[in-house]
């Protein structure tokens, strides 16, 4: 399975939705909680091309985007193949 990283904040409904989708796929992911900011927030912004919203999701080191982007991949039937790599 692909290496999945997700940057989140506490009480974020979009983060919860993205994690629920990944959980439904039985995908293991590493979560970075950036609620309090810090170096992981700066890392996320740099990796995500300046995006500051959460979640920011990376699969296999590639920037996927946010919750809506992840859901769009699922609707298009592309998510499973990304998770399998």
PDB file of N, CA and C in Angstrom:
ATOM      1  N   UNK A   1       0.828  -1.187   0.000  1.00  0.00           N
ATOM      2  CA  UNK A   1       0.000   0.000   0.000  1.00  0.00           C
ATOM      3  C   UNK A   1       0.875   1.254   0.000  1.00  0.00           C
ATOM      4  N   UNK A   2       0.370   2.304  -0.589  1.00  0.00           N
ATOM      5  CA  UNK A   2       1.097   3.563  -0.714  1.00  0.00           C
ATOM      6  C   UNK A   2       1.300   4.236   0.640  1.00  0.00           C
ATOM      7  N   UNK A   3       2.348   5.017   0.731  1.00  0.00           N
ATOM      8  CA  UNK A   3       2.592   5.843   1.915  1.00  0.00           C
ATOM      9  C   UNK A   3       1.640   7.040   1.854  1.00  0.00           C
ATOM     10  N   UNK A   4       0.807   7.189   2.884  1.00  0.00           N
ATOM     11  CA  UNK A   4      -0.191   8.255   2.906  1.00  0.00           C
ATOM     12  C   UNK A   4       0.090   9.150   4.103  1.00  0.00           C
ATOM     13  N   UNK A   5       0.130  10.451   3.850  1.00  0.00           N
ATOM     14  CA  UNK A   5       0.317  11.445   4.906  1.00  0.00           C
ATOM     15  C   UNK A   5      -0.828  12.442   4.814  1.00  0.00           C
ATOM     16  N   UNK A   6      -1.361  12.804   5.983  1.00  0.00           N
ATOM     17  CA  UNK A   6      -2.464  13.763   6.014  1.00  0.00           C
ATOM     18  C   UNK A   6      -2.223  14.756   7.148  1.00  0.00           C
ATOM     19  N   UNK A   7      -2.254  16.027   6.799  1.00  0.00           N
ATOM     20  CA  UNK A   7      -2.109  17.111   7.774  1.00  0.00           C
ATOM     21  C   UNK A   7      -3.512  17.548   8.174  1.00  0.00           C
ATOM     22  N   UNK A   8      -3.775  17.588   9.480  1.00  0.00           N
ATOM     23  CA  UNK A   8      -5.120  17.868   9.982  1.00  0.00           C
ATOM     24  C   UNK A   8      -5.085  18.885  11.120  1.00  0.00           C
ATOM     25  N   UNK A   9      -6.282  19.334  11.501  1.00  0.00           N
ATOM     26  CA  UNK A   9      -6.488  20.147  12.697  1.00  0.00           C
ATOM     27  C   UNK A   9      -7.650  19.549  13.479  1.00  0.00           C
ATOM     28  N   UNK A  10      -7.647  19.771  14.772  1.00  0.00           N
ATOM     29  CA  UNK A  10      -8.735  19.291  15.630  1.00  0.00           C
ATOM     30  C   UNK A  10     -10.053  19.943  15.217  1.00  0.00           C
ATOM     31  N   UNK A  11     -11.119  19.188  15.326  1.00  0.00           N
ATOM     32  CA  UNK A  11     -12.482  19.662  15.067  1.00  0.00           C
ATOM     33  C   UNK A  11     -12.727  20.083  13.622  1.00  0.00           C
ATOM     34  N   UNK A  12     -11.904  19.619  12.698  1.00  0.00           N
ATOM     35  CA  UNK A  12     -12.057  19.957  11.276  1.00  0.00           C
ATOM     36  C   UNK A  12     -12.946  18.915  10.603  1.00  0.00           C
ATOM     37  N   UNK A  13     -14.146  19.313  10.147  1.00  0.00           N
ATOM     38  CA  UNK A  13     -15.035  18.330   9.520  1.00  0.00           C
ATOM     39  C   UNK A  13     -14.487  17.781   8.202  1.00  0.00           C
ATOM     40  N   UNK A  14     -13.742  18.593   7.472  1.00  0.00           N
ATOM     41  CA  UNK A  14     -13.155  18.119   6.213  1.00  0.00           C
ATOM     42  C   UNK A  14     -12.079  17.074   6.489  1.00  0.00           C
ATOM     43  N   UNK A  15     -11.333  17.271   7.566  1.00  0.00           N
ATOM     44  CA  UNK A  15     -10.313  16.296   7.971  1.00  0.00           C
ATOM     45  C   UNK A  15     -10.984  14.984   8.345  1.00  0.00           C
ATOM     46  N   UNK A  16     -12.058  15.082   9.113  1.00  0.00           N
ATOM     47  CA  UNK A  16     -12.789  13.878   9.517  1.00  0.00           C
ATOM     48  C   UNK A  16     -13.334  13.136   8.312  1.00  0.00           C
ATOM     49  N   UNK A  17     -13.850  13.868   7.344  1.00  0.00           N
ATOM     50  CA  UNK A  17     -14.400  13.238   6.145  1.00  0.00           C
ATOM     51  C   UNK A  17     -13.309  12.538   5.342  1.00  0.00           C
ATOM     52  N   UNK A  18     -12.157  13.182   5.192  1.00  0.00           N
ATOM     53  CA  UNK A  18     -11.054  12.574   4.446  1.00  0.00           C
ATOM     54  C   UNK A  18     -10.546  11.319   5.157  1.00  0.00           C
ATOM     55  N   UNK A  19     -10.406  11.384   6.470  1.00  0.00           N
ATOM     56  CA  UNK A  19      -9.934  10.224   7.227  1.00  0.00           C
ATOM     57  C   UNK A  19     -10.954   9.092   7.174  1.00  0.00           C
ATOM     58  N   UNK A  20     -12.245   9.418   7.198  1.00  0.00           N
ATOM     59  CA  UNK A  20     -13.283   8.389   7.115  1.00  0.00           C
ATOM     60  C   UNK A  20     -13.213   7.663   5.768  1.00  0.00           C
ATOM     61  N   UNK A  21     -12.973   8.398   4.703  1.00  0.00           N
ATOM     62  CA  UNK A  21     -12.845   7.773   3.380  1.00  0.00           C
ATOM     63  C   UNK A  21     -11.631   6.849   3.347  1.00  0.00           C
ATOM     64  N   UNK A  22     -10.506   7.331   3.860  1.00  0.00           N
ATOM     65  CA  UNK A  22      -9.307   6.489   3.899  1.00  0.00           C
ATOM     66  C   UNK A  22      -9.526   5.266   4.793  1.00  0.00           C
ATOM     67  N   UNK A  23     -10.193   5.471   5.921  1.00  0.00           N
ATOM     68  CA  UNK A  23     -10.492   4.344   6.818  1.00  0.00           C
ATOM     69  C   UNK A  23     -11.385   3.315   6.131  1.00  0.00           C
ATOM     70  N   UNK A  24     -12.342   3.780   5.344  1.00  0.00           N
ATOM     71  CA  UNK A  24     -13.246   2.856   4.643  1.00  0.00           C
ATOM     72  C   UNK A  24     -12.490   2.001   3.621  1.00  0.00           C
ATOM     73  N   UNK A  25     -11.348   2.500   3.187  1.00  0.00           N
ATOM     74  CA  UNK A  25     -10.488   1.764   2.245  1.00  0.00           C
ATOM     75  C   UNK A  25      -9.451   0.919   2.977  1.00  0.00           C
ATOM     76  N   UNK A  26      -9.502   0.942   4.302  1.00  0.00           N
ATOM     77  CA  UNK A  26      -8.518   0.248   5.146  1.00  0.00           C
ATOM     78  C   UNK A  26      -7.104   0.713   4.827  1.00  0.00           C
ATOM     79  N   UNK A  27      -6.977   1.991   4.523  1.00  0.00           N
ATOM     80  CA  UNK A  27      -5.679   2.588   4.193  1.00  0.00           C
ATOM     81  C   UNK A  27      -5.009   3.088   5.463  1.00  0.00           C
ATOM     82  N   UNK A  28      -3.772   2.704   5.652  1.00  0.00           N
ATOM     83  CA  UNK A  28      -3.000   3.191   6.791  1.00  0.00           C
ATOM     84  C   UNK A  28      -2.394   4.539   6.407  1.00  0.00           C
ATOM     85  N   UNK A  29      -2.533   5.520   7.285  1.00  0.00           N
ATOM     86  CA  UNK A  29      -1.973   6.841   6.995  1.00  0.00           C
ATOM     87  C   UNK A  29      -1.293   7.388   8.233  1.00  0.00           C
ATOM     88  N   UNK A  30      -0.349   8.289   7.975  1.00  0.00           N
ATOM     89  CA  UNK A  30       0.320   9.004   9.058  1.00  0.00           C
ATOM     90  C   UNK A  30      -0.321  10.376   9.145  1.00  0.00           C
ATOM     91  N   UNK A  31      -0.813  10.707  10.324  1.00  0.00           N
ATOM     92  CA  UNK A  31      -1.514  11.972  10.531  1.00  0.00           C
ATOM     93  C   UNK A  31      -0.632  12.952  11.288  1.00  0.00           C
ATOM     94  N   UNK A  32      -0.582  14.172  10.785  1.00  0.00           N
ATOM     95  CA  UNK A  32       0.154  15.248  11.447  1.00  0.00           C
ATOM     96  C   UNK A  32      -0.852  16.304  11.882  1.00  0.00           C
ATOM     97  N   UNK A  33      -1.048  16.442  13.183  1.00  0.00           N
ATOM     98  CA  UNK A  33      -1.981  17.420  13.729  1.00  0.00           C
ATOM     99  C   UNK A  33      -1.262  18.764  13.837  1.00  0.00           C
ATOM    100  N   UNK A  34      -1.733  19.730  13.060  1.00  0.00           N
ATOM    101  CA  UNK A  34      -1.088  21.048  13.048  1.00  0.00           C
ATOM    102  C   UNK A  34      -1.978  22.103  13.712  1.00  0.00           C
ATOM    103  N   UNK A  35      -2.862  21.664  14.607  1.00  0.00           N
ATOM    104  CA  UNK A  35      -3.768  22.582  15.296  1.00  0.00           C
ATOM    105  C   UNK A  35      -3.011  23.741  15.943  1.00  0.00           C
ATOM    106  N   UNK A  36      -1.890  23.442  16.546  1.00  0.00           N
ATOM    107  CA  UNK A  36      -1.114  24.456  17.253  1.00  0.00           C
ATOM    108  C   UNK A  36      -0.013  25.081  16.382  1.00  0.00           C
ATOM    109  N   UNK A  37      -0.041  24.816  15.088  1.00  0.00           N
ATOM    110  CA  UNK A  37       0.967  25.387  14.189  1.00  0.00           C
ATOM    111  C   UNK A  37       2.275  24.649  14.315  1.00  0.00           C
ATOM    112  N   UNK A  38       3.362  25.405  14.306  1.00  0.00           N
ATOM    113  CA  UNK A  38       4.671  24.810  14.476  1.00  0.00           C
ATOM    114  C   UNK A  38       5.328  24.387  13.171  1.00  0.00           C
ATOM    115  N   UNK A  39       6.430  23.664  13.284  1.00  0.00           N
ATOM    116  CA  UNK A  39       7.209  23.306  12.096  1.00  0.00           C
ATOM    117  C   UNK A  39       6.463  22.407  11.118  1.00  0.00           C
ATOM    118  N   UNK A  40       5.566  21.548  11.607  1.00  0.00           N
ATOM    119  CA  UNK A  40       4.805  20.684  10.698  1.00  0.00           C
ATOM    120  C   UNK A  40       3.846  21.510   9.839  1.00  0.00           C
ATOM    121  N   UNK A  41       3.321  22.607  10.378  1.00  0.00           N
ATOM    122  CA  UNK A  41       2.450  23.481   9.576  1.00  0.00           C
ATOM    123  C   UNK A  41       3.250  24.117   8.457  1.00  0.00           C
ATOM    124  N   UNK A  42       4.444  24.588   8.774  1.00  0.00           N
ATOM    125  CA  UNK A  42       5.305  25.183   7.753  1.00  0.00           C
ATOM    126  C   UNK A  42       5.689  24.148   6.699  1.00  0.00           C
ATOM    127  N   UNK A  43       5.964  22.936   7.142  1.00  0.00           N
ATOM    128  CA  UNK A  43       6.289  21.842   6.220  1.00  0.00           C
ATOM    129  C   UNK A  43       5.122  21.590   5.272  1.00  0.00           C
ATOM    130  N   UNK A  44       3.892  21.550   5.821  1.00  0.00           N
ATOM    131  CA  UNK A  44       2.712  21.322   5.000  1.00  0.00           C
ATOM    132  C   UNK A  44       2.554  22.412   3.942  1.00  0.00           C
ATOM    133  N   UNK A  45       2.684  23.661   4.357  1.00  0.00           N
ATOM    134  CA  UNK A  45       2.520  24.783   3.427  1.00  0.00           C
ATOM    135  C   UNK A  45       3.533  24.685   2.293  1.00  0.00           C
ATOM    136  N   UNK A  46       4.750  24.359   2.634  1.00  0.00           N
ATOM    137  CA  UNK A  46       5.795  24.233   1.611  1.00  0.00           C
ATOM    138  C   UNK A  46       5.489  23.071   0.668  1.00  0.00           C
ATOM    139  N   UNK A  47       5.143  21.935   1.222  1.00  0.00           N
ATOM    140  CA  UNK A  47       4.876  20.747   0.401  1.00  0.00           C
ATOM    141  C   UNK A  47       3.628  20.923  -0.452  1.00  0.00           C
ATOM    142  N   UNK A  48       2.651  21.689   0.044  1.00  0.00           N
ATOM    143  CA  UNK A  48       1.364  21.849  -0.639  1.00  0.00           C
ATOM    144  C   UNK A  48       1.341  23.065  -1.557  1.00  0.00           C
ATOM    145  N   UNK A  49       2.488  23.600  -1.876  1.00  0.00           N
ATOM    146  CA  UNK A  49       2.540  24.720  -2.816  1.00  0.00           C
ATOM    147  C   UNK A  49       1.890  25.987  -2.303  1.00  0.00           C
ATOM    148  N   UNK A  50       1.964  26.211  -0.986  1.00  0.00           N
ATOM    149  CA  UNK A  50       1.415  27.428  -0.409  1.00  0.00           C
ATOM    150  C   UNK A  50       0.021  27.290   0.167  1.00  0.00           C
ATOM    151  N   UNK A  51      -0.611  26.170  -0.020  1.00  0.00           N
ATOM    152  CA  UNK A  51      -1.948  25.976   0.548  1.00  0.00           C
ATOM    153  C   UNK A  51      -1.862  25.950   2.068  1.00  0.00           C
ATOM    154  N   UNK A  52      -2.815  26.600   2.709  1.00  0.00           N
ATOM    155  CA  UNK A  52      -2.812  26.685   4.169  1.00  0.00           C
ATOM    156  C   UNK A  52      -4.017  25.997   4.801  1.00  0.00           C
ATOM    157  N   UNK A  53      -4.946  25.515   3.984  1.00  0.00           N
ATOM    158  CA  UNK A  53      -6.139  24.858   4.518  1.00  0.00           C
ATOM    159  C   UNK A  53      -5.848  23.395   4.826  1.00  0.00           C
ATOM    160  N   UNK A  54      -6.663  22.833   5.698  1.00  0.00           N
ATOM    161  CA  UNK A  54      -6.541  21.408   6.003  1.00  0.00           C
ATOM    162  C   UNK A  54      -7.838  20.700   5.639  1.00  0.00           C
ATOM    163  N   UNK A  55      -7.770  19.423   5.329  1.00  0.00           N
ATOM    164  CA  UNK A  55      -6.556  18.621   5.314  1.00  0.00           C
ATOM    165  C   UNK A  55      -5.755  18.856   4.038  1.00  0.00           C
ATOM    166  N   UNK A  56      -4.491  18.518   4.113  1.00  0.00           N
ATOM    167  CA  UNK A  56      -3.650  18.401   2.924  1.00  0.00           C
ATOM    168  C   UNK A  56      -3.173  16.952   2.920  1.00  0.00           C
ATOM    169  N   UNK A  57      -3.376  16.300   1.783  1.00  0.00           N
ATOM    170  CA  UNK A  57      -3.160  14.859   1.689  1.00  0.00           C
ATOM    171  C   UNK A  57      -2.096  14.571   0.643  1.00  0.00           C
ATOM    172  N   UNK A  58      -1.208  13.655   1.013  1.00  0.00           N
ATOM    173  CA  UNK A  58      -0.130  13.218   0.125  1.00  0.00           C
ATOM    174  C   UNK A  58      -0.177  11.698   0.036  1.00  0.00           C
ATOM    175  N   UNK A  59      -0.155  11.187  -1.183  1.00  0.00           N
ATOM    176  CA  UNK A  59      -0.133   9.738  -1.398  1.00  0.00           C
ATOM    177  C   UNK A  59       1.098   9.415  -2.222  1.00  0.00           C
ATOM    178  N   UNK A  60       1.941   8.567  -1.670  1.00  0.00           N
ATOM    179  CA  UNK A  60       3.181   8.214  -2.354  1.00  0.00           C
ATOM    180  C   UNK A  60       4.075   9.417  -2.592  1.00  0.00           C
ATOM    181  N   UNK A  61       3.987  10.400  -1.692  1.00  0.00           N
ATOM    182  CA  UNK A  61       4.784  11.612  -1.814  1.00  0.00           C
ATOM    183  C   UNK A  61       4.191  12.668  -2.734  1.00  0.00           C
ATOM    184  N   UNK A  62       3.138  12.314  -3.474  1.00  0.00           N
ATOM    185  CA  UNK A  62       2.487  13.259  -4.386  1.00  0.00           C
ATOM    186  C   UNK A  62       1.365  13.996  -3.668  1.00  0.00           C
ATOM    187  N   UNK A  63       1.276  15.297  -3.911  1.00  0.00           N
ATOM    188  CA  UNK A  63       0.234  16.113  -3.301  1.00  0.00           C
ATOM    189  C   UNK A  63      -1.093  15.828  -3.987  1.00  0.00           C
ATOM    190  N   UNK A  64      -2.058  15.354  -3.207  1.00  0.00           N
ATOM    191  CA  UNK A  64      -3.393  15.055  -3.729  1.00  0.00           C
ATOM    192  C   UNK A  64      -4.294  16.273  -3.594  1.00  0.00           C
ATOM    193  N   UNK A  65      -4.141  17.009  -2.507  1.00  0.00           N
ATOM    194  CA  UNK A  65      -4.994  18.169  -2.236  1.00  0.00           C
ATOM    195  C   UNK A  65      -5.752  17.948  -0.946  1.00  0.00           C
ATOM    196  N   UNK A  66      -6.979  18.433  -0.917  1.00  0.00           N
ATOM    197  CA  UNK A  66      -7.792  18.365   0.283  1.00  0.00           C
ATOM    198  C   UNK A  66      -8.849  17.281   0.221  1.00  0.00           C
ATOM    199  N   UNK A  67      -9.814  17.383   1.112  1.00  0.00           N
ATOM    200  CA  UNK A  67     -10.880  16.390   1.225  1.00  0.00           C
ATOM    201  C   UNK A  67     -11.697  16.276  -0.060  1.00  0.00           C
ATOM    202  N   UNK A  68     -12.040  17.409  -0.654  1.00  0.00           N
ATOM    203  CA  UNK A  68     -12.828  17.384  -1.889  1.00  0.00           C
ATOM    204  C   UNK A  68     -12.049  16.729  -3.024  1.00  0.00           C
ATOM    205  N   UNK A  69     -10.743  16.963  -3.073  1.00  0.00           N
ATOM    206  CA  UNK A  69      -9.904  16.351  -4.109  1.00  0.00           C
ATOM    207  C   UNK A  69      -9.838  14.834  -3.924  1.00  0.00           C
ATOM    208  N   UNK A  70      -9.720  14.398  -2.670  1.00  0.00           N
ATOM    209  CA  UNK A  70      -9.702  12.971  -2.372  1.00  0.00           C
ATOM    210  C   UNK A  70     -11.031  12.330  -2.771  1.00  0.00           C
ATOM    211  N   UNK A  71     -12.142  12.985  -2.432  1.00  0.00           N
ATOM    212  CA  UNK A  71     -13.466  12.467  -2.785  1.00  0.00           C
ATOM    213  C   UNK A  71     -13.656  12.414  -4.304  1.00  0.00           C
ATOM    214  N   UNK A  72     -13.120  13.395  -5.012  1.00  0.00           N
ATOM    215  CA  UNK A  72     -13.216  13.404  -6.476  1.00  0.00           C
ATOM    216  C   UNK A  72     -12.463  12.218  -7.073  1.00  0.00           C
ATOM    217  N   UNK A  73     -11.300  11.898  -6.517  1.00  0.00           N
ATOM    218  CA  UNK A  73     -10.556  10.721  -6.990  1.00  0.00           C
ATOM    219  C   UNK A  73     -11.368   9.449  -6.785  1.00  0.00           C
ATOM    220  N   UNK A  74     -12.062   9.370  -5.667  1.00  0.00           N
ATOM    221  CA  UNK A  74     -12.910   8.205  -5.396  1.00  0.00           C
ATOM    222  C   UNK A  74     -14.053   8.133  -6.398  1.00  0.00           C
ATOM    223  N   UNK A  75     -14.729   9.256  -6.660  1.00  0.00           N
ATOM    224  CA  UNK A  75     -15.844   9.278  -7.622  1.00  0.00           C
ATOM    225  C   UNK A  75     -15.388   8.887  -9.024  1.00  0.00           C
ATOM    226  N   UNK A  76     -14.170   9.280  -9.378  1.00  0.00           N
ATOM    227  CA  UNK A  76     -13.632   8.983 -10.717  1.00  0.00           C
ATOM    228  C   UNK A  76     -13.059   7.568 -10.810  1.00  0.00           C
ATOM    229  N   UNK A  77     -13.059   6.841  -9.696  1.00  0.00           N
ATOM    230  CA  UNK A  77     -12.556   5.480  -9.703  1.00  0.00           C
ATOM    231  C   UNK A  77     -11.037   5.393  -9.722  1.00  0.00           C
ATOM    232  N   UNK A  78     -10.357   6.461  -9.335  1.00  0.00           N
ATOM    233  CA  UNK A  78      -8.886   6.504  -9.384  1.00  0.00           C
ATOM    234  C   UNK A  78      -8.208   6.306  -8.035  1.00  0.00           C
ATOM    235  N   UNK A  79      -8.964   6.410  -6.958  1.00  0.00           N
ATOM    236  CA  UNK A  79      -8.346   6.360  -5.632  1.00  0.00           C
ATOM    237  C   UNK A  79      -7.745   4.995  -5.317  1.00  0.00           C
ATOM    238  N   UNK A  80      -8.460   3.926  -5.614  1.00  0.00           N
ATOM    239  CA  UNK A  80      -7.969   2.589  -5.275  1.00  0.00           C
ATOM    240  C   UNK A  80      -6.610   2.303  -5.906  1.00  0.00           C
ATOM    241  N   UNK A  81      -6.435   2.701  -7.163  1.00  0.00           N
ATOM    242  CA  UNK A  81      -5.157   2.436  -7.820  1.00  0.00           C
ATOM    243  C   UNK A  81      -4.040   3.268  -7.199  1.00  0.00           C
ATOM    244  N   UNK A  82      -4.344   4.487  -6.754  1.00  0.00           N
ATOM    245  CA  UNK A  82      -3.333   5.302  -6.073  1.00  0.00           C
ATOM    246  C   UNK A  82      -2.942   4.688  -4.743  1.00  0.00           C
ATOM    247  N   UNK A  83      -3.912   4.169  -4.022  1.00  0.00           N
ATOM    248  CA  UNK A  83      -3.645   3.576  -2.712  1.00  0.00           C
ATOM    249  C   UNK A  83      -2.863   2.276  -2.838  1.00  0.00           C
ATOM    250  N   UNK A  84      -3.010   1.589  -3.948  1.00  0.00           N
ATOM    251  CA  UNK A  84      -2.358   0.296  -4.132  1.00  0.00           C
ATOM    252  C   UNK A  84      -0.889   0.401  -4.508  1.00  0.00           C
ATOM    253  N   UNK A  85      -0.441   1.579  -4.931  1.00  0.00           N
ATOM    254  CA  UNK A  85       0.948   1.701  -5.385  1.00  0.00           C
ATOM    255  C   UNK A  85       1.920   1.805  -4.242  1.00  0.00           C
TER     256      UNK A  85
END
